Amino acid sequence: MSTVKYKRDNPAGLSAQREDELRALAKKADGEIDYSDIPASGDERWPDAVRGKFYRPLKTQASVRIDADVMEWLKRPGKGYQTRLNAILREAMNRDLGEK
């Protein structure tokens, strides 16, 4: 058996028939689509599923001024102070967004 490899910047094209099918499907309302050939998929079928398991937010480089004692506190446990700082900021952001 041979291996077929695709590159992200050069995906295989769709046939004209498939493009027509997809356009027709996109025009239909959700209620008009026949889902009878798809098995039910409730939470009980996904007991080990984890939301966002492969989510990796984009990082941006920034230069900020932080009080020396705060920086010392962040670095005290050892490597990973930037990760700890990001986790603290993300928790504060989520708390702030949840309150609104």
N, C-alpha and C. Protein backbone atom coordinates (compact mmCIF):
# COMPACT_ATOMS: atom_id res chain seq x y z
N MET A 1 0.85 -1.17 0.00
CA MET A 1 0.00 0.00 0.00
C MET A 1 0.90 1.24 0.00
N SER A 2 0.57 2.22 -0.81
CA SER A 2 1.37 3.44 -0.87
C SER A 2 0.80 4.50 0.07
N THR A 3 1.65 5.40 0.49
CA THR A 3 1.25 6.48 1.39
C THR A 3 1.01 7.74 0.59
N VAL A 4 -0.10 8.39 0.84
CA VAL A 4 -0.42 9.65 0.18
C VAL A 4 -0.17 10.77 1.17
N LYS A 5 0.60 11.76 0.77
CA LYS A 5 0.90 12.88 1.65
C LYS A 5 0.36 14.17 1.04
N TYR A 6 -0.24 14.99 1.89
CA TYR A 6 -0.76 16.29 1.47
C TYR A 6 -0.05 17.37 2.27
N LYS A 7 0.11 18.51 1.66
CA LYS A 7 0.66 19.66 2.36
C LYS A 7 -0.46 20.64 2.63
N ARG A 8 -0.36 21.35 3.74
CA ARG A 8 -1.42 22.29 4.11
C ARG A 8 -1.60 23.40 3.08
N ASP A 9 -0.51 23.83 2.46
CA ASP A 9 -0.62 24.94 1.52
C ASP A 9 -1.05 24.48 0.13
N ASN A 10 -1.22 23.17 -0.07
CA ASN A 10 -1.62 22.66 -1.37
C ASN A 10 -2.59 21.49 -1.19
N PRO A 11 -3.78 21.75 -0.62
CA PRO A 11 -4.73 20.66 -0.38
C PRO A 11 -5.33 20.15 -1.70
N ALA A 12 -5.79 18.91 -1.66
CA ALA A 12 -6.43 18.34 -2.84
C ALA A 12 -7.70 19.12 -3.15
N GLY A 13 -7.97 19.33 -4.42
CA GLY A 13 -9.15 20.09 -4.82
C GLY A 13 -10.42 19.25 -4.77
N LEU A 14 -11.55 19.92 -4.75
CA LEU A 14 -12.84 19.24 -4.75
C LEU A 14 -13.33 19.12 -6.19
N SER A 15 -14.06 18.05 -6.45
CA SER A 15 -14.65 17.90 -7.78
C SER A 15 -15.78 18.91 -7.91
N ALA A 16 -16.15 19.20 -9.14
CA ALA A 16 -17.25 20.14 -9.38
C ALA A 16 -18.54 19.63 -8.76
N GLN A 17 -18.75 18.31 -8.84
CA GLN A 17 -19.96 17.72 -8.26
C GLN A 17 -19.97 17.92 -6.74
N ARG A 18 -18.83 17.70 -6.10
CA ARG A 18 -18.76 17.85 -4.64
C ARG A 18 -18.97 19.31 -4.24
N GLU A 19 -18.40 20.24 -5.01
CA GLU A 19 -18.60 21.67 -4.72
C GLU A 19 -20.07 22.04 -4.83
N ASP A 20 -20.76 21.51 -5.84
CA ASP A 20 -22.20 21.77 -6.00
C ASP A 20 -22.98 21.22 -4.81
N GLU A 21 -22.63 20.00 -4.36
CA GLU A 21 -23.30 19.40 -3.21
C GLU A 21 -23.12 20.26 -1.96
N LEU A 22 -21.90 20.73 -1.75
CA LEU A 22 -21.62 21.54 -0.56
C LEU A 22 -22.34 22.89 -0.61
N ARG A 23 -22.40 23.50 -1.79
CA ARG A 23 -23.13 24.76 -1.94
C ARG A 23 -24.62 24.57 -1.63
N ALA A 24 -25.19 23.48 -2.16
CA ALA A 24 -26.62 23.20 -1.92
C ALA A 24 -26.87 22.94 -0.44
N LEU A 25 -25.97 22.23 0.21
CA LEU A 25 -26.12 21.94 1.63
C LEU A 25 -26.01 23.22 2.46
N ALA A 26 -25.11 24.11 2.08
CA ALA A 26 -24.93 25.37 2.82
C ALA A 26 -26.17 26.25 2.73
N LYS A 27 -26.93 26.13 1.66
CA LYS A 27 -28.13 26.95 1.48
C LYS A 27 -29.32 26.44 2.29
N LYS A 28 -29.28 25.17 2.70
CA LYS A 28 -30.40 24.57 3.43
C LYS A 28 -30.44 25.06 4.88
N ALA A 29 -31.64 25.18 5.40
CA ALA A 29 -31.80 25.47 6.83
C ALA A 29 -31.48 24.20 7.60
N ASP A 30 -31.06 24.32 8.85
CA ASP A 30 -30.70 23.15 9.66
C ASP A 30 -31.83 22.14 9.73
N GLY A 31 -33.06 22.61 9.80
CA GLY A 31 -34.20 21.72 9.90
C GLY A 31 -34.45 20.89 8.64
N GLU A 32 -33.92 21.33 7.52
CA GLU A 32 -34.13 20.63 6.25
C GLU A 32 -33.08 19.54 6.00
N ILE A 33 -32.03 19.51 6.80
CA ILE A 33 -30.95 18.56 6.58
C ILE A 33 -31.30 17.21 7.21
N ASP A 34 -31.11 16.13 6.45
CA ASP A 34 -31.43 14.78 6.92
C ASP A 34 -30.24 14.23 7.71
N TYR A 35 -30.42 14.07 9.01
CA TYR A 35 -29.38 13.54 9.88
C TYR A 35 -29.64 12.08 10.26
N SER A 36 -30.58 11.41 9.59
CA SER A 36 -31.00 10.07 9.99
C SER A 36 -29.89 9.03 9.88
N ASP A 37 -28.89 9.27 9.04
CA ASP A 37 -27.82 8.28 8.90
C ASP A 37 -26.67 8.51 9.88
N ILE A 38 -26.83 9.49 10.77
CA ILE A 38 -25.80 9.78 11.76
C ILE A 38 -26.27 9.26 13.11
N PRO A 39 -25.48 8.39 13.76
CA PRO A 39 -25.92 7.86 15.06
C PRO A 39 -25.95 8.95 16.13
N ALA A 40 -26.81 8.75 17.12
CA ALA A 40 -26.89 9.70 18.23
C ALA A 40 -25.53 9.78 18.92
N SER A 41 -25.18 10.95 19.36
CA SER A 41 -23.87 11.15 19.98
C SER A 41 -24.00 12.05 21.19
N GLY A 42 -24.56 11.52 22.25
CA GLY A 42 -24.73 12.30 23.48
C GLY A 42 -23.49 12.25 24.35
N ASP A 43 -23.55 12.89 25.50
CA ASP A 43 -22.42 12.94 26.42
C ASP A 43 -21.97 11.56 26.87
N GLU A 44 -22.91 10.62 26.95
CA GLU A 44 -22.57 9.27 27.42
C GLU A 44 -21.62 8.55 26.46
N ARG A 45 -21.56 8.99 25.21
CA ARG A 45 -20.64 8.37 24.24
C ARG A 45 -19.24 8.97 24.32
N TRP A 46 -19.07 10.03 25.07
CA TRP A 46 -17.78 10.71 25.16
C TRP A 46 -17.34 10.88 26.61
N PRO A 47 -17.24 9.81 27.39
CA PRO A 47 -16.94 9.97 28.82
C PRO A 47 -15.54 10.53 29.09
N ASP A 48 -14.60 10.30 28.19
CA ASP A 48 -13.23 10.75 28.43
C ASP A 48 -12.86 11.99 27.62
N ALA A 49 -13.84 12.58 26.96
CA ALA A 49 -13.56 13.76 26.14
C ALA A 49 -13.19 14.94 27.02
N VAL A 50 -12.23 15.72 26.54
CA VAL A 50 -11.77 16.90 27.27
C VAL A 50 -11.86 18.09 26.32
N ARG A 51 -12.63 19.09 26.70
CA ARG A 51 -12.78 20.28 25.86
C ARG A 51 -11.48 21.09 25.87
N GLY A 52 -11.02 21.44 24.69
CA GLY A 52 -9.84 22.28 24.58
C GLY A 52 -8.52 21.58 24.82
N LYS A 53 -8.49 20.25 24.74
CA LYS A 53 -7.28 19.50 25.04
C LYS A 53 -6.12 19.93 24.14
N PHE A 54 -6.38 20.19 22.89
CA PHE A 54 -5.32 20.53 21.95
C PHE A 54 -5.26 22.03 21.65
N TYR A 55 -5.99 22.82 22.43
CA TYR A 55 -6.00 24.27 22.22
C TYR A 55 -4.68 24.86 22.66
N ARG A 56 -4.05 25.60 21.79
CA ARG A 56 -2.81 26.29 22.11
C ARG A 56 -2.97 27.74 21.64
N PRO A 57 -3.18 28.66 22.57
CA PRO A 57 -3.37 30.05 22.16
C PRO A 57 -2.09 30.61 21.53
N LEU A 58 -2.28 31.53 20.61
CA LEU A 58 -1.13 32.19 20.00
C LEU A 58 -0.42 33.04 21.04
N LYS A 59 0.88 33.02 21.01
CA LYS A 59 1.67 33.82 21.94
C LYS A 59 2.13 35.08 21.23
N THR A 60 2.27 36.14 21.99
CA THR A 60 2.82 37.38 21.46
C THR A 60 3.91 37.85 22.40
N GLN A 61 4.96 38.38 21.83
CA GLN A 61 6.07 38.86 22.65
C GLN A 61 5.75 40.27 23.13
N ALA A 62 5.99 40.52 24.41
CA ALA A 62 5.70 41.84 24.98
C ALA A 62 6.78 42.21 25.97
N SER A 63 7.00 43.48 26.10
CA SER A 63 7.95 43.98 27.09
C SER A 63 7.14 44.80 28.09
N VAL A 64 7.17 44.38 29.35
CA VAL A 64 6.40 45.07 30.38
C VAL A 64 7.30 45.38 31.57
N ARG A 65 6.93 46.40 32.30
CA ARG A 65 7.67 46.75 33.52
C ARG A 65 6.92 46.16 34.70
N ILE A 66 7.63 45.34 35.47
CA ILE A 66 7.05 44.66 36.62
C ILE A 66 7.89 45.02 37.84
N ASP A 67 7.22 45.24 38.95
CA ASP A 67 7.93 45.55 40.19
C ASP A 67 8.94 44.44 40.49
N ALA A 68 10.11 44.84 41.00
CA ALA A 68 11.19 43.89 41.25
C ALA A 68 10.77 42.79 42.22
N ASP A 69 10.01 43.13 43.26
CA ASP A 69 9.61 42.10 44.22
C ASP A 69 8.63 41.11 43.60
N VAL A 70 7.80 41.58 42.68
CA VAL A 70 6.86 40.68 42.00
C VAL A 70 7.64 39.72 41.10
N MET A 71 8.63 40.25 40.37
CA MET A 71 9.44 39.41 39.50
C MET A 71 10.22 38.38 40.32
N GLU A 72 10.74 38.80 41.45
CA GLU A 72 11.47 37.88 42.32
C GLU A 72 10.54 36.76 42.79
N TRP A 73 9.33 37.12 43.17
CA TRP A 73 8.34 36.14 43.62
C TRP A 73 8.01 35.14 42.50
N LEU A 74 7.86 35.66 41.26
CA LEU A 74 7.55 34.79 40.12
C LEU A 74 8.70 33.82 39.83
N LYS A 75 9.94 34.29 39.97
CA LYS A 75 11.11 33.47 39.63
C LYS A 75 11.53 32.53 40.76
N ARG A 76 11.04 32.77 41.96
CA ARG A 76 11.47 32.00 43.14
C ARG A 76 11.34 30.48 42.97
N PRO A 77 10.22 29.96 42.46
CA PRO A 77 10.10 28.50 42.33
C PRO A 77 11.01 27.88 41.27
N GLY A 78 11.65 28.69 40.43
CA GLY A 78 12.54 28.15 39.40
C GLY A 78 12.03 28.44 38.00
N LYS A 79 12.47 27.59 37.06
CA LYS A 79 12.10 27.78 35.65
C LYS A 79 10.59 27.85 35.48
N GLY A 80 10.17 28.58 34.46
CA GLY A 80 8.76 28.64 34.12
C GLY A 80 8.04 29.87 34.65
N TYR A 81 8.79 30.92 35.01
CA TYR A 81 8.11 32.09 35.57
C TYR A 81 7.19 32.76 34.55
N GLN A 82 7.54 32.71 33.27
CA GLN A 82 6.67 33.32 32.26
C GLN A 82 5.36 32.53 32.13
N THR A 83 5.46 31.22 32.23
CA THR A 83 4.26 30.38 32.20
C THR A 83 3.39 30.67 33.40
N ARG A 84 4.01 30.81 34.58
CA ARG A 84 3.24 31.14 35.79
C ARG A 84 2.57 32.50 35.65
N LEU A 85 3.31 33.48 35.14
CA LEU A 85 2.74 34.82 34.95
C LEU A 85 1.55 34.76 33.99
N ASN A 86 1.69 34.01 32.90
CA ASN A 86 0.59 33.88 31.94
C ASN A 86 -0.62 33.22 32.59
N ALA A 87 -0.39 32.19 33.41
CA ALA A 87 -1.50 31.50 34.08
C ALA A 87 -2.23 32.44 35.04
N ILE A 88 -1.47 33.27 35.76
CA ILE A 88 -2.07 34.23 36.69
C ILE A 88 -2.91 35.25 35.92
N LEU A 89 -2.35 35.76 34.82
CA LEU A 89 -3.08 36.74 34.01
C LEU A 89 -4.32 36.13 33.36
N ARG A 90 -4.20 34.87 32.89
CA ARG A 90 -5.35 34.21 32.27
C ARG A 90 -6.46 34.01 33.29
N GLU A 91 -6.10 33.60 34.52
CA GLU A 91 -7.11 33.41 35.57
C GLU A 91 -7.82 34.73 35.87
N ALA A 92 -7.04 35.82 35.95
CA ALA A 92 -7.64 37.14 36.20
C ALA A 92 -8.55 37.55 35.04
N MET A 93 -8.10 37.28 33.81
CA MET A 93 -8.92 37.62 32.64
C MET A 93 -10.22 36.84 32.65
N ASN A 94 -10.14 35.52 32.89
CA ASN A 94 -11.35 34.69 32.91
C ASN A 94 -12.30 35.12 34.01
N ARG A 95 -11.76 35.47 35.17
CA ARG A 95 -12.60 35.94 36.27
C ARG A 95 -13.29 37.25 35.88
N ASP A 96 -12.55 38.15 35.26
CA ASP A 96 -13.11 39.44 34.83
C ASP A 96 -14.18 39.24 33.75
N LEU A 97 -13.91 38.37 32.80
CA LEU A 97 -14.89 38.13 31.73
C LEU A 97 -16.12 37.42 32.25
N GLY A 98 -15.96 36.60 33.27
CA GLY A 98 -17.09 35.89 33.85
C GLY A 98 -18.01 36.78 34.65
N GLU A 99 -17.48 37.87 35.18
CA GLU A 99 -18.27 38.79 36.00
C GLU A 99 -19.12 39.72 35.15
N LYS A 100 -18.79 39.86 33.88
CA LYS A 100 -19.51 40.81 33.03
C LYS A 100 -20.74 40.19 32.44
